[in-house]
């Protein structure tokens, strides 16, 4: 039984949950801030389940789009569609089922957030193709990963205040950083087959540009915290998060693919520290 289910688990990347964490953190930031630290299960649970469902759906769409590319990349050649363990029809069926679940979760939320679901869905669909079109597909990923923030605010506050849009900017910047780290793992393969990414676009300056983006990210959080009067206690987890960023930069500077992947994985800790900082704000 497990053998028959395992390819579907791999297709949804449920065996690699780091992507769920990275998509979930901005949602948690928004849930805490929009509710003024008073979370309600009728809003929180559908959004958390929606993160899991939409991340799984996004992975399926990505693998369907890359079914001819993944076999050419060392890291992805063993994905279920790439190695033939699953076919396109099976992937379509699972994607359709997940889309129906996502729709059901959306309909369980206040109707104020429904209009914001359409651009979120469109970004999920188009992102996998952006690596063929633009030099910075990570920007589209950032927009996709932050698209739930206005949904959260509109569901809770029935409006989308400036705080939500500022949080969106920070949330968009973060995936550009960590997905560039991720793309460094595949840089040689991507250059060979013509796939675009910021890891390639930034060229020999990738380490310095990442350092600049990380500095901008934390300056943005500092300004955000001052603007909305975060507690002084929030400084401690934010400093810990900055420590993770320094570790990441050291890993990237080594110019080893394994180190770049370690830098990417460490973003789950960075996100945890930021969540803690917001929770005690």
C-alpha atoms as a PDB file:
ATOM      1  CA  UNK A   1       0.000   0.000   0.000  1.00  0.00           C
ATOM      2  CA  UNK A   2       2.752   2.460   0.967  1.00  0.00           C
ATOM      3  CA  UNK A   3       4.616   1.677  -2.252  1.00  0.00           C
ATOM      4  CA  UNK A   4       1.614   2.756  -4.315  1.00  0.00           C
ATOM      5  CA  UNK A   5       1.112   5.952  -2.304  1.00  0.00           C
ATOM      6  CA  UNK A   6       4.754   6.975  -2.086  1.00  0.00           C
ATOM      7  CA  UNK A   7       5.022   8.415  -5.652  1.00  0.00           C
ATOM      8  CA  UNK A   8       2.014  10.653  -4.930  1.00  0.00           C
ATOM      9  CA  UNK A   9       3.611  11.806  -1.668  1.00  0.00           C
ATOM     10  CA  UNK A  10       6.790  12.591  -3.600  1.00  0.00           C
ATOM     11  CA  UNK A  11       4.829  14.391  -6.339  1.00  0.00           C
ATOM     12  CA  UNK A  12       3.257  16.647  -3.694  1.00  0.00           C
ATOM     13  CA  UNK A  13       6.663  16.971  -1.939  1.00  0.00           C
ATOM     14  CA  UNK A  14       5.055  15.995   1.357  1.00  0.00           C
ATOM     15  CA  UNK A  15       8.232  14.050   2.070  1.00  0.00           C
ATOM     16  CA  UNK A  16      10.122  17.375   1.871  1.00  0.00           C
ATOM     17  CA  UNK A  17       8.097  19.701   4.105  1.00  0.00           C
ATOM     18  CA  UNK A  18      10.510  22.638   4.117  1.00  0.00           C
ATOM     19  CA  UNK A  19       8.474  24.209   1.308  1.00  0.00           C
ATOM     20  CA  UNK A  20       5.343  24.026   3.457  1.00  0.00           C
ATOM     21  CA  UNK A  21       7.135  25.832   6.279  1.00  0.00           C
ATOM     22  CA  UNK A  22       8.387  28.583   3.982  1.00  0.00           C
ATOM     23  CA  UNK A  23       4.923  29.147   2.536  1.00  0.00           C
ATOM     24  CA  UNK A  24       3.314  28.923   5.974  1.00  0.00           C
ATOM     25  CA  UNK A  25       5.472  31.518   7.748  1.00  0.00           C
ATOM     26  CA  UNK A  26       4.098  34.595   5.908  1.00  0.00           C
ATOM     27  CA  UNK A  27       0.572  33.309   6.558  1.00  0.00           C
ATOM     28  CA  UNK A  28       1.347  32.985  10.269  1.00  0.00           C
ATOM     29  CA  UNK A  29       2.853  36.492  10.312  1.00  0.00           C
ATOM     30  CA  UNK A  30      -0.349  37.834   8.782  1.00  0.00           C
ATOM     31  CA  UNK A  31      -2.651  35.790  11.034  1.00  0.00           C
ATOM     32  CA  UNK A  32      -0.946  37.050  14.186  1.00  0.00           C
ATOM     33  CA  UNK A  33      -0.798  40.682  13.125  1.00  0.00           C
ATOM     34  CA  UNK A  34      -4.228  40.921  11.507  1.00  0.00           C
ATOM     35  CA  UNK A  35      -5.924  39.319  14.524  1.00  0.00           C
ATOM     36  CA  UNK A  36      -3.901  41.417  16.993  1.00  0.00           C
ATOM     37  CA  UNK A  37      -2.511  38.189  18.481  1.00  0.00           C
ATOM     38  CA  UNK A  38      -5.982  36.670  18.979  1.00  0.00           C
ATOM     39  CA  UNK A  39      -6.118  33.746  16.573  1.00  0.00           C
ATOM     40  CA  UNK A  40      -9.479  32.122  15.807  1.00  0.00           C
ATOM     41  CA  UNK A  41      -9.707  28.519  14.641  1.00  0.00           C
ATOM     42  CA  UNK A  42     -12.382  29.208  12.006  1.00  0.00           C
ATOM     43  CA  UNK A  43      -9.885  31.406  10.142  1.00  0.00           C
ATOM     44  CA  UNK A  44      -6.551  29.891  11.173  1.00  0.00           C
ATOM     45  CA  UNK A  45      -7.278  26.238  10.379  1.00  0.00           C
ATOM     46  CA  UNK A  46      -8.539  26.789   6.786  1.00  0.00           C
ATOM     47  CA  UNK A  47      -5.516  28.953   5.999  1.00  0.00           C
ATOM     48  CA  UNK A  48      -3.048  26.422   7.402  1.00  0.00           C
ATOM     49  CA  UNK A  49      -4.728  23.574   5.510  1.00  0.00           C
ATOM     50  CA  UNK A  50      -4.826  25.786   2.440  1.00  0.00           C
ATOM     51  CA  UNK A  51      -1.063  26.279   2.627  1.00  0.00           C
ATOM     52  CA  UNK A  52      -0.498  22.523   2.594  1.00  0.00           C
ATOM     53  CA  UNK A  53      -2.950  21.965  -0.250  1.00  0.00           C
ATOM     54  CA  UNK A  54      -1.715  24.848  -2.402  1.00  0.00           C
ATOM     55  CA  UNK A  55       1.936  23.982  -1.904  1.00  0.00           C
ATOM     56  CA  UNK A  56       1.173  20.406  -2.978  1.00  0.00           C
ATOM     57  CA  UNK A  57      -0.801  21.655  -5.969  1.00  0.00           C
ATOM     58  CA  UNK A  58       1.997  24.031  -6.920  1.00  0.00           C
ATOM     59  CA  UNK A  59       4.529  21.197  -6.822  1.00  0.00           C
ATOM     60  CA  UNK A  60       2.376  19.085  -9.127  1.00  0.00           C
ATOM     61  CA  UNK A  61       1.940  21.941 -11.613  1.00  0.00           C
ATOM     62  CA  UNK A  62       5.691  22.575 -11.458  1.00  0.00           C
ATOM     63  CA  UNK A  63       6.531  18.932 -12.200  1.00  0.00           C
ATOM     64  CA  UNK A  64       3.997  18.767 -15.022  1.00  0.00           C
ATOM     65  CA  UNK A  65       5.536  21.864 -16.583  1.00  0.00           C
ATOM     66  CA  UNK A  66       9.065  20.493 -16.114  1.00  0.00           C
ATOM     67  CA  UNK A  67       8.474  16.861 -17.067  1.00  0.00           C
ATOM     68  CA  UNK A  68      10.934  17.183 -19.966  1.00  0.00           C
ATOM     69  CA  UNK A  69      13.439  19.302 -18.011  1.00  0.00           C
ATOM     70  CA  UNK A  70      13.613  17.417 -14.710  1.00  0.00           C
ATOM     71  CA  UNK A  71      15.260  14.292 -16.212  1.00  0.00           C
ATOM     72  CA  UNK A  72      18.161  16.525 -17.322  1.00  0.00           C
ATOM     73  CA  UNK A  73      18.837  17.936 -13.833  1.00  0.00           C
ATOM     74  CA  UNK A  74      20.715  15.857 -11.278  1.00  0.00           C
ATOM     75  CA  UNK A  75      18.601  16.958  -8.312  1.00  0.00           C
ATOM     76  CA  UNK A  76      15.225  16.396  -9.998  1.00  0.00           C
ATOM     77  CA  UNK A  77      15.718  13.386 -12.251  1.00  0.00           C
ATOM     78  CA  UNK A  78      14.130  11.027  -9.725  1.00  0.00           C
ATOM     79  CA  UNK A  79      10.872  12.945  -9.357  1.00  0.00           C
ATOM     80  CA  UNK A  80       7.825  10.744 -10.122  1.00  0.00           C
ATOM     81  CA  UNK A  81       6.939  12.333 -13.469  1.00  0.00           C
ATOM     82  CA  UNK A  82      10.567  12.577 -14.519  1.00  0.00           C
ATOM     83  CA  UNK A  83      11.360   8.897 -13.946  1.00  0.00           C
ATOM     84  CA  UNK A  84       8.007   7.548 -15.095  1.00  0.00           C
ATOM     85  CA  UNK A  85       6.638   6.309 -11.776  1.00  0.00           C
ATOM     86  CA  UNK A  86       3.545   8.418 -12.447  1.00  0.00           C
ATOM     87  CA  UNK A  87       1.987   9.629 -15.688  1.00  0.00           C
ATOM     88  CA  UNK A  88       0.454  12.942 -16.656  1.00  0.00           C
ATOM     89  CA  UNK A  89      -3.115  11.653 -16.317  1.00  0.00           C
ATOM     90  CA  UNK A  90      -2.471  10.632 -12.711  1.00  0.00           C
ATOM     91  CA  UNK A  91      -0.931  14.028 -12.028  1.00  0.00           C
ATOM     92  CA  UNK A  92      -3.933  15.817 -13.593  1.00  0.00           C
ATOM     93  CA  UNK A  93      -6.344  13.809 -11.439  1.00  0.00           C
ATOM     94  CA  UNK A  94      -4.478  14.581  -8.227  1.00  0.00           C
ATOM     95  CA  UNK A  95      -4.147  18.261  -9.159  1.00  0.00           C
ATOM     96  CA  UNK A  96      -7.884  18.463  -9.860  1.00  0.00           C
ATOM     97  CA  UNK A  97      -8.694  16.857  -6.510  1.00  0.00           C
ATOM     98  CA  UNK A  98      -6.432  19.270  -4.640  1.00  0.00           C
ATOM     99  CA  UNK A  99      -7.905  22.239  -6.524  1.00  0.00           C
ATOM    100  CA  UNK A 100     -11.384  21.161  -5.406  1.00  0.00           C
ATOM    101  CA  UNK A 101     -10.204  20.908  -1.797  1.00  0.00           C
ATOM    102  CA  UNK A 102      -8.626  24.360  -2.057  1.00  0.00           C
ATOM    103  CA  UNK A 103     -11.902  25.755  -3.395  1.00  0.00           C
ATOM    104  CA  UNK A 104     -13.811  24.184  -0.512  1.00  0.00           C
ATOM    105  CA  UNK A 105     -11.417  25.736   2.005  1.00  0.00           C
ATOM    106  CA  UNK A 106     -11.772  29.131   0.308  1.00  0.00           C
ATOM    107  CA  UNK A 107     -15.560  28.959   0.457  1.00  0.00           C
ATOM    108  CA  UNK A 108     -15.340  28.252   4.195  1.00  0.00           C
ATOM    109  CA  UNK A 109     -13.667  31.641   4.683  1.00  0.00           C
ATOM    110  CA  UNK A 110     -15.383  35.059   4.730  1.00  0.00           C
ATOM    111  CA  UNK A 111     -16.282  36.226   1.253  1.00  0.00           C
ATOM    112  CA  UNK A 112     -14.198  39.399   1.697  1.00  0.00           C
ATOM    113  CA  UNK A 113     -11.064  37.376   0.895  1.00  0.00           C
ATOM    114  CA  UNK A 114     -12.437  35.560  -2.168  1.00  0.00           C
ATOM    115  CA  UNK A 115     -11.370  38.168  -4.780  1.00  0.00           C
ATOM    116  CA  UNK A 116      -7.745  37.889  -3.629  1.00  0.00           C
ATOM    117  CA  UNK A 117      -7.740  34.133  -4.273  1.00  0.00           C
ATOM    118  CA  UNK A 118      -7.781  34.575  -8.065  1.00  0.00           C
ATOM    119  CA  UNK A 119      -4.385  36.308  -8.404  1.00  0.00           C
ATOM    120  CA  UNK A 120      -2.958  33.812  -5.888  1.00  0.00           C
ATOM    121  CA  UNK A 121      -4.161  30.922  -8.050  1.00  0.00           C
ATOM    122  CA  UNK A 122      -2.867  32.548 -11.249  1.00  0.00           C
ATOM    123  CA  UNK A 123       0.578  33.058  -9.730  1.00  0.00           C
ATOM    124  CA  UNK A 124       0.640  29.402  -8.664  1.00  0.00           C
ATOM    125  CA  UNK A 125      -0.083  28.323 -12.229  1.00  0.00           C
ATOM    126  CA  UNK A 126       2.263  30.652 -14.098  1.00  0.00           C
ATOM    127  CA  UNK A 127       5.297  30.476 -11.808  1.00  0.00           C
ATOM    128  CA  UNK A 128       6.620  27.112 -13.113  1.00  0.00           C
ATOM    129  CA  UNK A 129       6.801  28.552 -16.638  1.00  0.00           C
ATOM    130  CA  UNK A 130       8.583  31.776 -15.645  1.00  0.00           C
ATOM    131  CA  UNK A 131      12.013  30.147 -15.644  1.00  0.00           C
ATOM    132  CA  UNK A 132      11.611  29.994 -19.434  1.00  0.00           C
ATOM    133  CA  UNK A 133      10.495  33.616 -19.824  1.00  0.00           C
ATOM    134  CA  UNK A 134      12.267  35.942 -17.390  1.00  0.00           C
ATOM    135  CA  UNK A 135      15.670  36.272 -15.746  1.00  0.00           C
ATOM    136  CA  UNK A 136      14.142  36.609 -12.280  1.00  0.00           C
ATOM    137  CA  UNK A 137      11.492  33.895 -11.847  1.00  0.00           C
ATOM    138  CA  UNK A 138      12.139  34.110  -8.096  1.00  0.00           C
ATOM    139  CA  UNK A 139      10.238  37.415  -8.102  1.00  0.00           C
ATOM    140  CA  UNK A 140       7.107  35.600  -9.275  1.00  0.00           C
ATOM    141  CA  UNK A 141       7.674  32.965  -6.583  1.00  0.00           C
ATOM    142  CA  UNK A 142       7.899  35.740  -4.004  1.00  0.00           C
ATOM    143  CA  UNK A 143       4.631  37.246  -5.199  1.00  0.00           C
ATOM    144  CA  UNK A 144       2.997  33.803  -5.097  1.00  0.00           C
ATOM    145  CA  UNK A 145       4.250  33.095  -1.583  1.00  0.00           C
ATOM    146  CA  UNK A 146       3.002  36.459  -0.293  1.00  0.00           C
ATOM    147  CA  UNK A 147      -0.364  36.344  -2.057  1.00  0.00           C
ATOM    148  CA  UNK A 148      -2.110  34.830   0.970  1.00  0.00           C
ATOM    149  CA  UNK A 149      -1.339  37.883   3.116  1.00  0.00           C
ATOM    150  CA  UNK A 150      -4.082  40.155   1.701  1.00  0.00           C
ATOM    151  CA  UNK A 151      -6.426  37.162   1.882  1.00  0.00           C
ATOM    152  CA  UNK A 152      -5.704  36.795   5.606  1.00  0.00           C
ATOM    153  CA  UNK A 153      -6.210  40.484   6.347  1.00  0.00           C
ATOM    154  CA  UNK A 154      -9.401  40.722   4.316  1.00  0.00           C
ATOM    155  CA  UNK A 155     -10.785  37.586   5.995  1.00  0.00           C
ATOM    156  CA  UNK A 156     -10.097  38.956   9.482  1.00  0.00           C
ATOM    157  CA  UNK A 157     -10.321  42.749   9.086  1.00  0.00           C
ATOM    158  CA  UNK A 158     -12.628  42.866   6.023  1.00  0.00           C
ATOM    159  CA  UNK A 159     -10.108  45.244   4.469  1.00  0.00           C
ATOM    160  CA  UNK A 160      -6.440  45.219   3.447  1.00  0.00           C
ATOM    161  CA  UNK A 161      -4.581  47.959   5.370  1.00  0.00           C
ATOM    162  CA  UNK A 162      -1.156  49.379   4.564  1.00  0.00           C
ATOM    163  CA  UNK A 163       0.377  47.033   7.132  1.00  0.00           C
ATOM    164  CA  UNK A 164      -0.629  44.083   4.946  1.00  0.00           C
ATOM    165  CA  UNK A 165       1.007  45.547   1.833  1.00  0.00           C
ATOM    166  CA  UNK A 166       4.217  46.328   3.710  1.00  0.00           C
ATOM    167  CA  UNK A 167       4.231  42.753   4.983  1.00  0.00           C
ATOM    168  CA  UNK A 168       3.713  41.596   1.388  1.00  0.00           C
ATOM    169  CA  UNK A 169       6.842  43.466   0.304  1.00  0.00           C
ATOM    170  CA  UNK A 170       8.931  41.780   2.995  1.00  0.00           C
ATOM    171  CA  UNK A 171       7.363  38.438   2.216  1.00  0.00           C
ATOM    172  CA  UNK A 172       8.099  38.840  -1.498  1.00  0.00           C
ATOM    173  CA  UNK A 173      11.733  39.724  -0.879  1.00  0.00           C
ATOM    174  CA  UNK A 174      12.421  36.683   1.277  1.00  0.00           C
ATOM    175  CA  UNK A 175      11.776  33.997  -1.407  1.00  0.00           C
ATOM    176  CA  UNK A 176      14.002  35.874  -3.843  1.00  0.00           C
ATOM    177  CA  UNK A 177      16.796  35.349  -1.301  1.00  0.00           C
ATOM    178  CA  UNK A 178      16.187  31.736  -0.366  1.00  0.00           C
ATOM    179  CA  UNK A 179      15.209  30.523  -3.819  1.00  0.00           C
ATOM    180  CA  UNK A 180      18.403  32.034  -5.218  1.00  0.00           C
ATOM    181  CA  UNK A 181      20.258  29.933  -2.646  1.00  0.00           C
ATOM    182  CA  UNK A 182      18.225  26.949  -3.821  1.00  0.00           C
ATOM    183  CA  UNK A 183      18.900  27.724  -7.485  1.00  0.00           C
ATOM    184  CA  UNK A 184      22.653  27.736  -6.840  1.00  0.00           C
ATOM    185  CA  UNK A 185      22.380  23.962  -6.350  1.00  0.00           C
ATOM    186  CA  UNK A 186      21.199  23.536  -9.957  1.00  0.00           C
ATOM    187  CA  UNK A 187      23.171  26.391 -11.522  1.00  0.00           C
ATOM    188  CA  UNK A 188      25.421  24.234 -13.717  1.00  0.00           C
ATOM    189  CA  UNK A 189      22.524  22.099 -14.980  1.00  0.00           C
ATOM    190  CA  UNK A 190      20.307  25.141 -15.542  1.00  0.00           C
ATOM    191  CA  UNK A 191      22.993  26.891 -17.595  1.00  0.00           C
ATOM    192  CA  UNK A 192      23.471  23.776 -19.695  1.00  0.00           C
ATOM    193  CA  UNK A 193      19.778  23.346 -20.542  1.00  0.00           C
ATOM    194  CA  UNK A 194      18.888  27.055 -20.754  1.00  0.00           C
ATOM    195  CA  UNK A 195      16.735  27.446 -17.648  1.00  0.00           C
ATOM    196  CA  UNK A 196      16.801  30.931 -16.111  1.00  0.00           C
ATOM    197  CA  UNK A 197      17.206  31.902 -12.465  1.00  0.00           C
ATOM    198  CA  UNK A 198      18.585  34.684 -10.301  1.00  0.00           C
ATOM    199  CA  UNK A 199      21.511  32.399  -9.440  1.00  0.00           C
ATOM    200  CA  UNK A 200      22.535  32.719 -13.097  1.00  0.00           C
ATOM    201  CA  UNK A 201      21.345  36.294 -13.634  1.00  0.00           C
ATOM    202  CA  UNK A 202      23.348  37.641 -10.676  1.00  0.00           C
ATOM    203  CA  UNK A 203      26.455  35.981 -12.121  1.00  0.00           C
ATOM    204  CA  UNK A 204      29.717  36.321 -10.216  1.00  0.00           C
ATOM    205  CA  UNK A 205      28.126  38.918  -7.936  1.00  0.00           C
ATOM    206  CA  UNK A 206      25.545  36.522  -6.524  1.00  0.00           C
ATOM    207  CA  UNK A 207      27.107  36.463  -3.033  1.00  0.00           C
ATOM    208  CA  UNK A 208      27.218  40.259  -2.782  1.00  0.00           C
ATOM    209  CA  UNK A 209      23.716  40.708  -4.170  1.00  0.00           C
ATOM    210  CA  UNK A 210      22.344  38.123  -1.736  1.00  0.00           C
ATOM    211  CA  UNK A 211      24.094  39.923   1.122  1.00  0.00           C
ATOM    212  CA  UNK A 212      22.538  43.206  -0.029  1.00  0.00           C
ATOM    213  CA  UNK A 213      19.070  41.659  -0.294  1.00  0.00           C
ATOM    214  CA  UNK A 214      19.416  40.136   3.169  1.00  0.00           C
ATOM    215  CA  UNK A 215      20.474  43.509   4.552  1.00  0.00           C
ATOM    216  CA  UNK A 216      17.475  45.147   2.886  1.00  0.00           C
ATOM    217  CA  UNK A 217      15.198  42.416   4.257  1.00  0.00           C
ATOM    218  CA  UNK A 218      16.291  42.980   7.850  1.00  0.00           C
ATOM    219  CA  UNK A 219      16.270  46.765   7.523  1.00  0.00           C
ATOM    220  CA  UNK A 220      12.705  46.365   6.279  1.00  0.00           C
ATOM    221  CA  UNK A 221      11.791  44.317   9.334  1.00  0.00           C
ATOM    222  CA  UNK A 222      13.436  46.889  11.596  1.00  0.00           C
ATOM    223  CA  UNK A 223      11.396  49.654  10.019  1.00  0.00           C
ATOM    224  CA  UNK A 224       8.253  47.525  10.200  1.00  0.00           C
ATOM    225  CA  UNK A 225       8.815  46.835  13.891  1.00  0.00           C
ATOM    226  CA  UNK A 226       9.410  50.510  14.681  1.00  0.00           C
ATOM    227  CA  UNK A 227       6.396  51.617  12.660  1.00  0.00           C
ATOM    228  CA  UNK A 228       4.051  49.240  14.452  1.00  0.00           C
ATOM    229  CA  UNK A 229       5.647  49.554  17.888  1.00  0.00           C
ATOM    230  CA  UNK A 230       6.949  46.039  18.371  1.00  0.00           C
ATOM    231  CA  UNK A 231       8.054  45.125  21.891  1.00  0.00           C
ATOM    232  CA  UNK A 232      11.731  45.464  22.778  1.00  0.00           C
ATOM    233  CA  UNK A 233      11.677  41.712  23.467  1.00  0.00           C
ATOM    234  CA  UNK A 234      11.169  41.153  19.736  1.00  0.00           C
ATOM    235  CA  UNK A 235      14.761  42.244  19.179  1.00  0.00           C
ATOM    236  CA  UNK A 236      16.087  38.956  20.572  1.00  0.00           C
ATOM    237  CA  UNK A 237      14.487  36.587  18.010  1.00  0.00           C
ATOM    238  CA  UNK A 238      15.160  39.090  15.213  1.00  0.00           C
ATOM    239  CA  UNK A 239      18.859  39.111  16.135  1.00  0.00           C
ATOM    240  CA  UNK A 240      18.799  35.287  16.090  1.00  0.00           C
ATOM    241  CA  UNK A 241      17.214  35.436  12.637  1.00  0.00           C
ATOM    242  CA  UNK A 242      19.983  37.791  11.500  1.00  0.00           C
ATOM    243  CA  UNK A 243      22.477  35.253  12.826  1.00  0.00           C
ATOM    244  CA  UNK A 244      20.937  32.635  10.574  1.00  0.00           C
ATOM    245  CA  UNK A 245      21.331  35.032   7.631  1.00  0.00           C
ATOM    246  CA  UNK A 246      25.033  35.459   8.437  1.00  0.00           C
ATOM    247  CA  UNK A 247      25.403  31.671   8.512  1.00  0.00           C
ATOM    248  CA  UNK A 248      23.688  31.498   5.120  1.00  0.00           C
ATOM    249  CA  UNK A 249      26.078  34.006   3.630  1.00  0.00           C
ATOM    250  CA  UNK A 250      29.050  31.995   4.875  1.00  0.00           C
ATOM    251  CA  UNK A 251      27.595  28.896   3.223  1.00  0.00           C
ATOM    252  CA  UNK A 252      26.991  30.665  -0.078  1.00  0.00           C
ATOM    253  CA  UNK A 253      30.502  32.127  -0.073  1.00  0.00           C
ATOM    254  CA  UNK A 254      31.920  28.586  -0.020  1.00  0.00           C
ATOM    255  CA  UNK A 255      30.537  28.191  -3.578  1.00  0.00           C
ATOM    256  CA  UNK A 256      29.593  24.565  -2.935  1.00  0.00           C
ATOM    257  CA  UNK A 257      26.179  23.270  -3.992  1.00  0.00           C
ATOM    258  CA  UNK A 258      25.779  21.296  -0.762  1.00  0.00           C
ATOM    259  CA  UNK A 259      26.503  24.426   1.274  1.00  0.00           C
ATOM    260  CA  UNK A 260      24.013  26.461  -0.785  1.00  0.00           C
ATOM    261  CA  UNK A 261      21.363  23.826  -0.099  1.00  0.00           C
ATOM    262  CA  UNK A 262      22.181  23.937   3.619  1.00  0.00           C
ATOM    263  CA  UNK A 263      21.742  27.730   3.482  1.00  0.00           C
ATOM    264  CA  UNK A 264      18.351  27.261   1.845  1.00  0.00           C
ATOM    265  CA  UNK A 265      17.211  24.715   4.453  1.00  0.00           C
ATOM    266  CA  UNK A 266      18.210  27.007   7.310  1.00  0.00           C
ATOM    267  CA  UNK A 267      15.468  29.444   6.266  1.00  0.00           C
ATOM    268  CA  UNK A 268      13.015  27.374   8.283  1.00  0.00           C
ATOM    269  CA  UNK A 269      14.860  28.566  11.400  1.00  0.00           C
ATOM    270  CA  UNK A 270      14.977  32.125  10.144  1.00  0.00           C
ATOM    271  CA  UNK A 271      11.222  32.001   9.599  1.00  0.00           C
ATOM    272  CA  UNK A 272      10.667  30.489  13.056  1.00  0.00           C
ATOM    273  CA  UNK A 273      12.612  33.292  14.722  1.00  0.00           C
ATOM    274  CA  UNK A 274      10.660  35.931  12.811  1.00  0.00           C
ATOM    275  CA  UNK A 275       7.395  34.264  13.870  1.00  0.00           C
ATOM    276  CA  UNK A 276       8.558  34.334  17.476  1.00  0.00           C
ATOM    277  CA  UNK A 277       9.478  38.004  17.165  1.00  0.00           C
ATOM    278  CA  UNK A 278       6.006  38.833  15.865  1.00  0.00           C
ATOM    279  CA  UNK A 279       4.312  36.644  18.487  1.00  0.00           C
ATOM    280  CA  UNK A 280       5.918  38.546  21.365  1.00  0.00           C
ATOM    281  CA  UNK A 281       5.582  41.933  19.682  1.00  0.00           C
END
